[in-house]
Amino acid sequence: MEADFGGNGEIRFERIGKAGCVTLARPKSLNALTHSMVLALSRALHAWEYDDKVALVVIRGEGRAFCAGGDIMDIYYAGRAGTPLTGFFADEYRLNAYIGRYPKPCIALVDGIVMGGGVGVSVHGSHRVFGDNASFAMPEVGIGFFPDVGGAHFLPRLAGEAGMWLGLTGSRIGQGDSLALGVATHAAASADFGSLLDRLCDTGDAAAAVAAFSTDVPPKMDDDRRASIARHFSAATLDALMQSLRDAAAQGDEFAMATLATMAAKSPTSLRVAFRQIREGANLSMDDCMRMEFRILNRMLGGQDFYEGIRAALIDKGDTPHWRPADLPGVTEEAVDAYFAPLGADELELP
């Protein structure tokens, strides 16, 4: 039975058996989230929370992606016009926090790309089932942004400092590594997703249904790679992290050399902000992480690097961005502090 919670046809809602089913339905845009989709999903979750006929919620994507993030070009043009879409982010962050404390099982069936906003509507739920084609990344520092949508909360809680590595490098990981590191709670064959959905709808028993289709998929990263990540990315400061990588690279360490090259292309400001965000988030509740991220968001939308990163990556496709400041030494501690300063009357309000 379909339900109309809005969303302009970009997101579908159905009650099937004992499940509330959500389908992100913008396949040509890799299911990128719009403001109307965020608001519609929030309305559906609130309605289903108090509907005794709904035992659990399932979120999936149509086409070859789960969700590739937010509709970034709308955000770019609005900011360039002097009307940054802080309202979109406020509603998105409230939705992320709500999913994190949702009282019913919330199961994301993730196959294909999951980045940015797609991470925000999946990783905070009770079950994240990754299919064969799942590809997870938080690449925001590469466009002068930061790993938001609750990245401050879930990244530092991944195994072996992998969250810091993912946040600072934007590296992609697949099904097995997502499971090993804690991004996914379960792995299943993509071909079984239809049967899994049927079982969830028929029984309303998330734990049993997911367990019935779960498979043990080995990680692609070997022990040496995971040990390198844990060693370098556990550093107490970003400068110490970079020095650790440089020392290893000087000894011919291929992982260190490749990682330094990757991070050299990222926004220096974003790297410093993301490092502090992830470190501080380790000791904060989900709600407090979202408040912190909203502070950072407001300063990012009022800055330079985000718009420069989008220009280089998506408008003048493949151009080299010109970050300001251009290197890590140029980003002062005082500049980073400003991103985390309270917003006064504009703080993010959470129910």
Protein backbone atom coordinates (compact mmCIF):
# COMPACT_ATOMS: atom_id res chain seq x y z
CA MET A 1 0.00 0.00 0.00
CA GLU A 2 1.58 3.26 -1.13
CA ALA A 3 1.63 6.25 1.18
CA ASP A 4 2.03 9.90 0.21
CA PHE A 5 4.49 11.71 2.41
CA GLY A 6 5.62 14.05 -0.37
CA GLY A 7 8.96 14.03 -2.12
CA ASN A 8 7.85 15.01 -5.64
CA GLY A 9 8.07 11.44 -6.93
CA GLU A 10 11.79 11.31 -6.09
CA ILE A 11 11.20 8.96 -3.15
CA ARG A 12 8.52 6.29 -2.74
CA PHE A 13 6.84 5.00 0.39
CA GLU A 14 4.95 1.73 0.74
CA ARG A 15 3.64 -0.29 3.62
CA ILE A 16 4.19 -3.92 2.68
CA GLY A 17 3.15 -6.44 5.29
CA LYS A 18 4.86 -5.47 8.52
CA ALA A 19 7.40 -3.11 6.93
CA GLY A 20 7.51 0.51 5.95
CA CYS A 21 9.50 0.50 2.70
CA VAL A 22 11.37 3.53 1.37
CA THR A 23 12.78 3.63 -2.16
CA LEU A 24 15.10 6.46 -3.21
CA ALA A 25 13.94 6.99 -6.79
CA ARG A 26 16.31 9.30 -8.66
CA PRO A 27 18.40 6.67 -10.45
CA LYS A 28 19.67 9.05 -13.15
CA SER A 29 21.10 11.25 -10.37
CA LEU A 30 22.37 8.25 -8.40
CA ASN A 31 19.53 8.89 -5.93
CA ALA A 32 21.15 12.10 -4.65
CA LEU A 33 19.05 13.60 -1.88
CA THR A 34 16.99 16.74 -2.38
CA HIS A 35 15.41 18.83 0.35
CA SER A 36 11.95 17.50 -0.49
CA MET A 37 13.23 13.91 -0.17
CA VAL A 38 14.70 14.65 3.26
CA LEU A 39 11.45 16.19 4.49
CA ALA A 40 9.33 13.37 3.06
CA LEU A 41 11.50 10.70 4.67
CA SER A 42 11.28 12.49 8.01
CA ARG A 43 7.49 12.58 7.78
CA ALA A 44 7.33 8.89 6.90
CA LEU A 45 9.57 7.85 9.77
CA HIS A 46 7.51 9.87 12.25
CA ALA A 47 4.27 8.35 10.99
CA TRP A 48 5.63 4.80 11.05
CA GLU A 49 7.14 5.22 14.50
CA TYR A 50 3.61 5.40 15.92
CA ASP A 51 1.98 2.93 13.53
CA ASP A 52 1.55 -0.42 15.31
CA LYS A 53 1.25 -2.17 11.93
CA VAL A 54 4.82 -1.19 11.04
CA ALA A 55 7.41 -3.32 12.82
CA LEU A 56 10.46 -2.06 10.94
CA VAL A 57 11.61 0.30 8.18
CA VAL A 58 13.59 -0.64 5.07
CA ILE A 59 15.49 1.91 2.94
CA ARG A 60 16.83 1.01 -0.50
CA GLY A 61 17.91 2.75 -3.70
CA GLU A 62 16.65 2.36 -7.25
CA GLY A 63 19.16 1.61 -10.00
CA ARG A 64 22.92 1.25 -9.65
CA ALA A 65 23.38 3.37 -6.53
CA PHE A 66 21.99 3.41 -3.04
CA CYS A 67 22.57 7.16 -2.73
CA ALA A 68 25.57 9.15 -3.93
CA GLY A 69 25.05 12.08 -1.54
CA GLY A 70 23.22 15.39 -1.60
CA ASP A 71 22.23 17.36 -4.67
CA ILE A 72 25.51 19.23 -4.65
CA MET A 73 24.97 21.56 -7.59
CA ASP A 74 21.88 23.11 -6.01
CA ILE A 75 23.97 23.76 -2.91
CA TYR A 76 26.77 25.26 -5.02
CA TYR A 77 24.59 27.68 -6.98
CA ALA A 78 22.60 28.78 -3.93
CA GLY A 79 25.79 29.54 -2.03
CA ARG A 80 27.29 31.40 -4.96
CA ALA A 81 24.11 33.50 -5.12
CA GLY A 82 24.53 34.44 -1.46
CA THR A 83 21.64 32.29 -0.22
CA PRO A 84 23.34 29.21 1.26
CA LEU A 85 21.02 26.26 1.82
CA THR A 86 21.55 25.97 5.56
CA GLY A 87 17.90 24.98 5.92
CA PHE A 88 18.48 21.87 3.81
CA PHE A 89 21.39 20.82 5.98
CA ALA A 90 19.51 21.56 9.20
CA ASP A 91 16.69 19.25 8.12
CA GLU A 92 19.14 16.63 6.86
CA TYR A 93 21.11 16.64 10.11
CA ARG A 94 17.89 16.40 12.14
CA LEU A 95 16.94 13.38 10.02
CA ASN A 96 20.36 11.76 10.61
CA ALA A 97 20.02 12.24 14.36
CA TYR A 98 16.46 10.89 14.29
CA ILE A 99 17.53 7.72 12.47
CA GLY A 100 20.25 7.29 15.09
CA ARG A 101 17.67 7.07 17.87
CA TYR A 102 14.81 5.50 15.90
CA PRO A 103 12.95 3.09 18.20
CA LYS A 104 12.21 0.49 15.51
CA PRO A 105 14.69 -1.47 13.41
CA CYS A 106 15.83 0.59 10.43
CA ILE A 107 17.42 -1.57 7.73
CA ALA A 108 19.39 -0.13 4.82
CA LEU A 109 19.81 -2.43 1.82
CA VAL A 110 22.94 -0.93 0.27
CA ASP A 111 24.07 -1.94 -3.19
CA GLY A 112 26.12 0.31 -5.44
CA ILE A 113 27.46 3.71 -4.44
CA VAL A 114 26.83 5.07 -0.94
CA MET A 115 28.43 8.43 -0.16
CA GLY A 116 27.64 11.62 1.72
CA GLY A 117 23.92 11.98 2.31
CA GLY A 118 23.41 8.32 1.47
CA VAL A 119 25.69 7.43 4.34
CA GLY A 120 23.62 9.67 6.60
CA VAL A 121 20.38 7.78 5.93
CA SER A 122 21.99 4.34 6.29
CA VAL A 123 24.86 4.06 8.78
CA HIS A 124 22.92 5.38 11.78
CA GLY A 125 20.22 2.72 11.46
CA SER A 126 20.17 -0.62 13.24
CA HIS A 127 21.12 -2.80 10.23
CA ARG A 128 23.32 -1.94 7.24
CA VAL A 129 23.25 -4.82 4.78
CA PHE A 130 25.83 -4.36 2.01
CA GLY A 131 25.48 -6.16 -1.31
CA ASP A 132 28.16 -7.37 -3.71
CA ASN A 133 28.37 -4.03 -5.51
CA ALA A 134 28.38 -1.75 -2.47
CA SER A 135 30.96 1.03 -2.68
CA PHE A 136 31.33 3.26 0.38
CA ALA A 137 33.24 6.55 0.54
CA MET A 138 33.27 9.87 2.35
CA PRO A 139 35.16 11.99 -0.22
CA GLU A 140 34.19 15.45 1.05
CA VAL A 141 37.68 16.79 1.88
CA GLY A 142 38.45 16.50 -1.83
CA ILE A 143 35.86 19.19 -2.63
CA GLY A 144 36.74 21.53 0.22
CA PHE A 145 34.01 20.20 2.51
CA PHE A 146 34.04 17.81 5.48
CA PRO A 147 32.63 14.32 6.27
CA ASP A 148 29.29 15.44 7.66
CA VAL A 149 25.88 13.66 8.06
CA GLY A 150 27.11 12.25 11.37
CA GLY A 151 30.62 11.41 10.25
CA ALA A 152 31.83 12.85 13.52
CA HIS A 153 29.94 10.09 15.31
CA PHE A 154 30.37 6.95 13.20
CA LEU A 155 33.87 7.45 11.73
CA PRO A 156 35.79 7.44 15.05
CA ARG A 157 33.86 4.33 16.08
CA LEU A 158 35.11 2.21 13.17
CA ALA A 159 37.81 -0.38 13.73
CA GLY A 160 41.51 0.42 13.83
CA GLU A 161 41.42 4.18 13.05
CA ALA A 162 39.81 3.34 9.71
CA GLY A 163 37.34 6.17 10.15
CA MET A 164 40.10 8.77 10.28
CA TRP A 165 41.70 7.21 7.20
CA LEU A 166 38.41 7.19 5.30
CA GLY A 167 37.60 10.75 6.31
CA LEU A 168 41.00 12.24 5.42
CA THR A 169 41.65 10.33 2.20
CA GLY A 170 38.16 9.78 0.74
CA SER A 171 39.16 6.19 0.00
CA ARG A 172 36.52 3.79 -1.34
CA ILE A 173 35.88 0.42 0.24
CA GLY A 174 33.66 -2.42 -0.88
CA GLN A 175 31.47 -5.01 0.77
CA GLY A 176 34.09 -7.06 2.64
CA ASP A 177 36.07 -4.11 4.03
CA SER A 178 32.88 -2.28 4.98
CA LEU A 179 31.85 -5.32 6.99
CA ALA A 180 35.27 -5.79 8.60
CA LEU A 181 35.59 -2.15 9.62
CA GLY A 182 32.04 -1.74 10.94
CA VAL A 183 30.48 0.43 8.24
CA ALA A 184 28.21 -2.50 7.36
CA THR A 185 26.63 -4.68 10.02
CA HIS A 186 25.94 -7.52 7.55
CA ALA A 187 26.81 -8.61 4.02
CA ALA A 188 24.49 -10.44 1.65
CA ALA A 189 24.44 -11.42 -2.00
CA SER A 190 22.82 -8.70 -4.10
CA ALA A 191 20.74 -11.38 -5.81
CA ASP A 192 19.17 -12.17 -2.43
CA PHE A 193 18.03 -8.63 -1.66
CA GLY A 194 14.54 -9.25 -3.08
CA SER A 195 14.07 -12.36 -0.95
CA LEU A 196 15.46 -10.58 2.09
CA LEU A 197 13.01 -7.75 1.61
CA ASP A 198 10.15 -10.24 1.33
CA ARG A 199 11.24 -11.92 4.57
CA LEU A 200 11.45 -8.57 6.37
CA CYS A 201 7.97 -7.60 5.18
CA ASP A 202 6.43 -10.97 5.98
CA THR A 203 7.89 -11.46 9.45
CA GLY A 204 8.70 -8.02 10.79
CA ASP A 205 11.70 -9.69 12.49
CA ALA A 206 14.77 -7.75 11.40
CA ALA A 207 17.36 -9.79 13.28
CA ALA A 208 16.15 -13.18 12.04
CA ALA A 209 15.55 -12.07 8.46
CA VAL A 210 18.94 -10.42 8.07
CA ALA A 211 20.73 -13.32 9.74
CA ALA A 212 19.08 -15.78 7.33
CA PHE A 213 20.66 -14.09 4.31
CA SER A 214 23.97 -12.92 5.79
CA THR A 215 27.22 -14.16 4.33
CA ASP A 216 30.78 -13.95 5.63
CA VAL A 217 32.65 -11.87 3.07
CA PRO A 218 36.41 -11.48 3.67
CA PRO A 219 37.99 -8.03 3.50
CA LYS A 220 40.18 -7.06 0.56
CA MET A 221 42.60 -5.15 2.78
CA ASP A 222 45.32 -7.36 4.19
CA ASP A 223 46.61 -7.24 7.76
CA ASP A 224 49.63 -5.13 6.79
CA ARG A 225 47.43 -2.41 5.28
CA ARG A 226 45.14 -2.34 8.31
CA ALA A 227 48.16 -2.17 10.62
CA SER A 228 49.56 0.77 8.64
CA ILE A 229 46.26 2.62 8.89
CA ALA A 230 46.04 2.01 12.62
CA ARG A 231 49.64 3.14 13.17
CA HIS A 232 49.63 6.35 11.15
CA PHE A 233 46.07 7.51 11.68
CA SER A 234 46.14 7.11 15.46
CA ALA A 235 48.42 10.15 15.76
CA ALA A 236 47.36 12.77 18.29
CA THR A 237 47.65 15.63 15.79
CA LEU A 238 47.36 15.97 12.03
CA ASP A 239 50.95 17.22 11.86
CA ALA A 240 52.15 14.11 13.70
CA LEU A 241 50.09 11.95 11.34
CA MET A 242 51.67 13.57 8.30
CA GLN A 243 55.16 13.24 9.77
CA SER A 244 54.53 9.55 10.45
CA LEU A 245 53.58 9.05 6.81
CA ARG A 246 56.60 11.04 5.59
CA ASP A 247 58.98 9.01 7.75
CA ALA A 248 57.55 5.77 6.37
CA ALA A 249 57.59 7.07 2.80
CA ALA A 250 61.27 7.96 3.18
CA GLN A 251 61.88 4.27 3.88
CA GLY A 252 60.10 3.29 0.68
CA ASP A 253 56.71 2.40 2.23
CA GLU A 254 54.30 2.27 -0.72
CA PHE A 255 51.16 2.78 1.38
CA ALA A 256 52.64 5.89 2.98
CA MET A 257 53.73 7.32 -0.37
CA ALA A 258 50.33 6.73 -1.96
CA THR A 259 48.51 8.15 1.03
CA LEU A 260 50.61 11.32 1.06
CA ALA A 261 49.92 11.81 -2.65
CA THR A 262 46.19 11.36 -2.07
CA MET A 263 46.04 13.80 0.83
CA ALA A 264 48.16 16.38 -1.02
CA ALA A 265 45.22 16.92 -3.40
CA LYS A 266 42.73 17.62 -0.60
CA SER A 267 41.78 20.99 0.84
CA PRO A 268 44.25 21.76 3.65
CA THR A 269 41.51 23.53 5.60
CA SER A 270 39.18 20.56 5.19
CA LEU A 271 41.88 18.17 6.38
CA ARG A 272 42.49 20.13 9.56
CA VAL A 273 38.78 20.61 10.26
CA ALA A 274 37.95 16.96 9.55
CA PHE A 275 40.77 15.71 11.78
CA ARG A 276 39.48 17.72 14.73
CA GLN A 277 35.85 16.85 13.95
CA ILE A 278 36.55 13.11 14.01
CA ARG A 279 38.73 13.27 17.12
CA GLU A 280 36.15 15.32 19.05
CA GLY A 281 33.26 13.23 17.82
CA ALA A 282 34.69 10.13 19.51
CA ASN A 283 33.58 11.56 22.85
CA LEU A 284 30.26 13.13 21.82
CA SER A 285 26.71 11.84 21.54
CA MET A 286 25.12 11.65 18.11
CA ASP A 287 23.04 14.77 18.81
CA ASP A 288 26.08 16.74 19.95
CA CYS A 289 27.98 15.60 16.86
CA MET A 290 25.20 16.97 14.66
CA ARG A 291 25.27 20.29 16.49
CA MET A 292 29.03 20.47 16.01
CA GLU A 293 28.72 19.60 12.33
CA PHE A 294 26.10 22.30 11.81
CA ARG A 295 28.56 24.85 13.19
CA ILE A 296 31.21 23.64 10.76
CA LEU A 297 28.69 23.58 7.91
CA ASN A 298 27.76 27.22 8.35
CA ARG A 299 31.40 28.28 8.18
CA MET A 300 32.13 26.04 5.19
CA LEU A 301 29.24 27.52 3.21
CA GLY A 302 30.55 30.98 4.00
CA GLY A 303 34.10 30.13 2.96
CA GLN A 304 36.02 29.63 -0.28
CA ASP A 305 37.31 26.08 -0.60
CA PHE A 306 33.94 24.32 -0.95
CA TYR A 307 32.96 26.39 -3.98
CA GLU A 308 36.43 26.07 -5.47
CA GLY A 309 36.34 22.30 -4.99
CA ILE A 310 32.98 21.98 -6.75
CA ARG A 311 34.15 24.24 -9.57
CA ALA A 312 37.24 22.15 -10.18
CA ALA A 313 35.57 18.74 -9.85
CA LEU A 314 32.13 19.23 -11.39
CA ILE A 315 32.01 22.45 -13.39
CA ASP A 316 35.48 22.62 -14.99
CA LYS A 317 35.68 18.84 -14.69
CA GLY A 318 39.11 17.63 -13.62
CA ASP A 319 40.68 21.07 -13.12
CA THR A 320 43.14 21.53 -10.26
CA PRO A 321 41.51 23.38 -7.35
CA HIS A 322 43.25 26.40 -5.90
CA TRP A 323 42.87 26.03 -2.17
CA ARG A 324 43.23 28.97 0.20
CA PRO A 325 45.38 28.51 2.21
CA ALA A 326 47.29 26.30 -0.18
CA ASP A 327 49.05 24.09 2.38
CA LEU A 328 48.63 22.73 5.89
CA PRO A 329 51.10 25.13 7.57
CA GLY A 330 48.96 28.00 6.29
CA VAL A 331 45.88 26.80 8.19
CA THR A 332 46.25 28.20 11.68
CA GLU A 333 44.79 26.80 14.88
CA GLU A 334 42.75 29.99 15.24
CA ALA A 335 41.26 29.48 11.78
CA VAL A 336 40.23 25.94 12.68
CA ASP A 337 38.76 27.09 16.00
CA ALA A 338 36.46 29.44 14.11
CA TYR A 339 34.73 26.51 12.40
CA PHE A 340 33.75 25.05 15.77
CA ALA A 341 32.64 28.27 17.46
CA PRO A 342 29.03 28.41 18.73
CA LEU A 343 26.37 29.89 16.46
CA GLY A 344 24.34 31.57 19.19
CA ALA A 345 20.70 31.83 18.16
CA ASP A 346 21.44 29.86 14.96
CA GLU A 347 22.51 26.62 16.67
CA LEU A 348 20.95 23.45 15.29
CA GLU A 349 17.75 22.63 17.18
CA LEU A 350 17.03 18.96 17.74
CA PRO A 351 13.79 17.56 19.21
